[in-house]
């Protein structure tokens, strides 16, 4: 009977050792995955920082004003185009709704296509 208990204990220890080894192996794999994910996260954070810098560069008011002058060609409003809110009547709204709005000419932006020949 004692021999049977010893054999069961040895087999149990063997099974337990293999389970612990598998758990340790999985934990190492998860640690490596965490390291990879942290590197990817840092890369994405750097990319976001670059994109934010580009966004703030592209959204500078001076740049937008320069591009608007170049492509949209807007002119300042004349004094006769400005009215006070008290001077606007319901008839003005009906009058403007009856006339279809003129389509705005969109400026075509020319892009240079570089061919690598």
Protein backbone atom coordinates (compact mmCIF):
# COMPACT_ATOMS: atom_id res chain seq x y z
CA UNK A 1 0.00 0.00 0.00
CA UNK A 2 2.84 2.36 0.81
CA UNK A 3 4.36 1.74 -2.60
CA UNK A 4 1.05 2.65 -4.29
CA UNK A 5 0.90 5.95 -2.37
CA UNK A 6 4.51 6.71 -3.34
CA UNK A 7 3.79 6.02 -7.02
CA UNK A 8 0.68 8.27 -6.88
CA UNK A 9 2.69 11.04 -5.20
CA UNK A 10 5.47 10.81 -7.81
CA UNK A 11 2.91 10.88 -10.64
CA UNK A 12 1.13 13.83 -8.96
CA UNK A 13 4.43 15.69 -8.63
CA UNK A 14 5.18 15.03 -12.29
CA UNK A 15 1.77 16.36 -13.37
CA UNK A 16 2.12 19.35 -11.06
CA UNK A 17 5.62 20.10 -12.40
CA UNK A 18 4.36 19.99 -16.00
CA UNK A 19 1.41 22.28 -15.15
CA UNK A 20 3.74 24.75 -13.42
CA UNK A 21 6.15 24.61 -16.39
CA UNK A 22 3.30 25.34 -18.83
CA UNK A 23 2.07 28.22 -16.68
CA UNK A 24 5.59 29.64 -16.50
CA UNK A 25 5.99 29.29 -20.28
CA UNK A 26 2.65 31.04 -20.88
CA UNK A 27 3.62 33.81 -18.45
CA UNK A 28 6.89 34.39 -20.35
CA UNK A 29 4.94 34.53 -23.60
CA UNK A 30 2.54 37.05 -22.08
CA UNK A 31 5.47 39.12 -20.78
CA UNK A 32 6.96 39.22 -24.27
CA UNK A 33 3.56 40.21 -25.67
CA UNK A 34 3.32 43.02 -23.09
CA UNK A 35 6.75 44.30 -24.12
CA UNK A 36 5.73 44.27 -27.79
CA UNK A 37 2.45 46.05 -27.02
CA UNK A 38 4.25 48.68 -24.94
CA UNK A 39 6.63 49.34 -27.85
CA UNK A 40 3.67 49.63 -30.24
CA UNK A 41 1.92 51.94 -27.79
CA UNK A 42 4.98 54.19 -27.57
CA UNK A 43 5.22 54.25 -31.37
CA UNK A 44 1.55 55.22 -31.64
CA UNK A 45 2.01 57.95 -29.01
CA UNK A 46 4.92 59.33 -31.01
CA UNK A 47 2.82 59.22 -34.16
CA UNK A 48 0.01 61.06 -32.40
CA UNK A 49 2.44 63.72 -31.22
CA UNK A 50 3.73 64.18 -34.77
CA UNK A 51 0.18 64.38 -36.13
CA UNK A 52 -0.78 66.96 -33.49
CA UNK A 53 2.25 69.05 -34.42
CA UNK A 54 1.34 68.80 -38.12
CA UNK A 55 -2.28 69.69 -37.32
CA UNK A 56 -1.30 72.80 -35.39
CA UNK A 57 1.08 73.76 -38.19
CA UNK A 58 -1.65 73.34 -40.82
CA UNK A 59 -4.23 75.21 -38.74
CA UNK A 60 -2.23 78.37 -38.21
CA UNK A 61 -4.47 81.36 -38.95
CA UNK A 62 -1.78 83.02 -41.11
CA UNK A 63 -1.53 79.95 -43.31
CA UNK A 64 -5.30 79.58 -43.65
CA UNK A 65 -5.62 83.27 -44.48
CA UNK A 66 -2.89 83.02 -47.12
CA UNK A 67 -4.50 79.94 -48.69
CA UNK A 68 -7.94 81.56 -48.61
CA UNK A 69 -6.59 84.62 -50.40
CA UNK A 70 -4.83 82.44 -52.95
CA UNK A 71 -7.57 79.93 -53.77
CA UNK A 72 -10.91 81.36 -52.65
CA UNK A 73 -10.21 84.97 -53.62
CA UNK A 74 -12.66 86.45 -51.13
CA UNK A 75 -13.06 90.21 -50.93
CA UNK A 76 -14.07 92.23 -47.88
CA UNK A 77 -17.78 93.06 -47.70
CA UNK A 78 -18.95 96.49 -48.83
CA UNK A 79 -20.71 98.77 -46.40
CA UNK A 80 -23.99 98.39 -48.30
CA UNK A 81 -23.88 94.62 -47.70
CA UNK A 82 -23.97 95.03 -43.91
CA UNK A 83 -27.27 95.56 -42.11
CA UNK A 84 -28.34 95.83 -38.51
CA UNK A 85 -30.43 93.03 -37.08
CA UNK A 86 -33.18 95.51 -36.22
CA UNK A 87 -33.44 96.47 -39.90
CA UNK A 88 -34.10 92.90 -41.08
CA UNK A 89 -37.76 92.05 -41.61
CA UNK A 90 -39.64 88.84 -42.27
CA UNK A 91 -40.03 89.94 -45.90
CA UNK A 92 -36.23 89.87 -46.32
CA UNK A 93 -36.15 86.25 -45.28
CA UNK A 94 -38.95 85.33 -47.65
CA UNK A 95 -37.28 87.28 -50.44
CA UNK A 96 -33.96 85.48 -49.93
CA UNK A 97 -35.70 82.08 -49.71
CA UNK A 98 -37.53 82.71 -53.00
CA UNK A 99 -34.30 83.38 -54.90
CA UNK A 100 -32.08 80.35 -55.34
CA UNK A 101 -28.57 80.96 -54.14
CA UNK A 102 -25.88 81.31 -56.76
CA UNK A 103 -23.42 78.43 -56.67
CA UNK A 104 -20.02 79.34 -55.34
CA UNK A 105 -17.19 78.74 -57.72
CA UNK A 106 -14.83 76.31 -56.11
CA UNK A 107 -11.17 76.95 -56.60
CA UNK A 108 -9.33 74.11 -58.20
CA UNK A 109 -6.20 73.17 -56.38
CA UNK A 110 -3.48 72.11 -58.73
CA UNK A 111 -1.28 69.35 -57.49
CA UNK A 112 2.01 68.46 -58.99
CA UNK A 113 2.35 64.84 -59.91
CA UNK A 114 5.89 63.63 -59.83
CA UNK A 115 6.60 60.64 -61.96
CA UNK A 116 9.59 58.54 -61.21
CA UNK A 117 11.01 57.58 -64.57
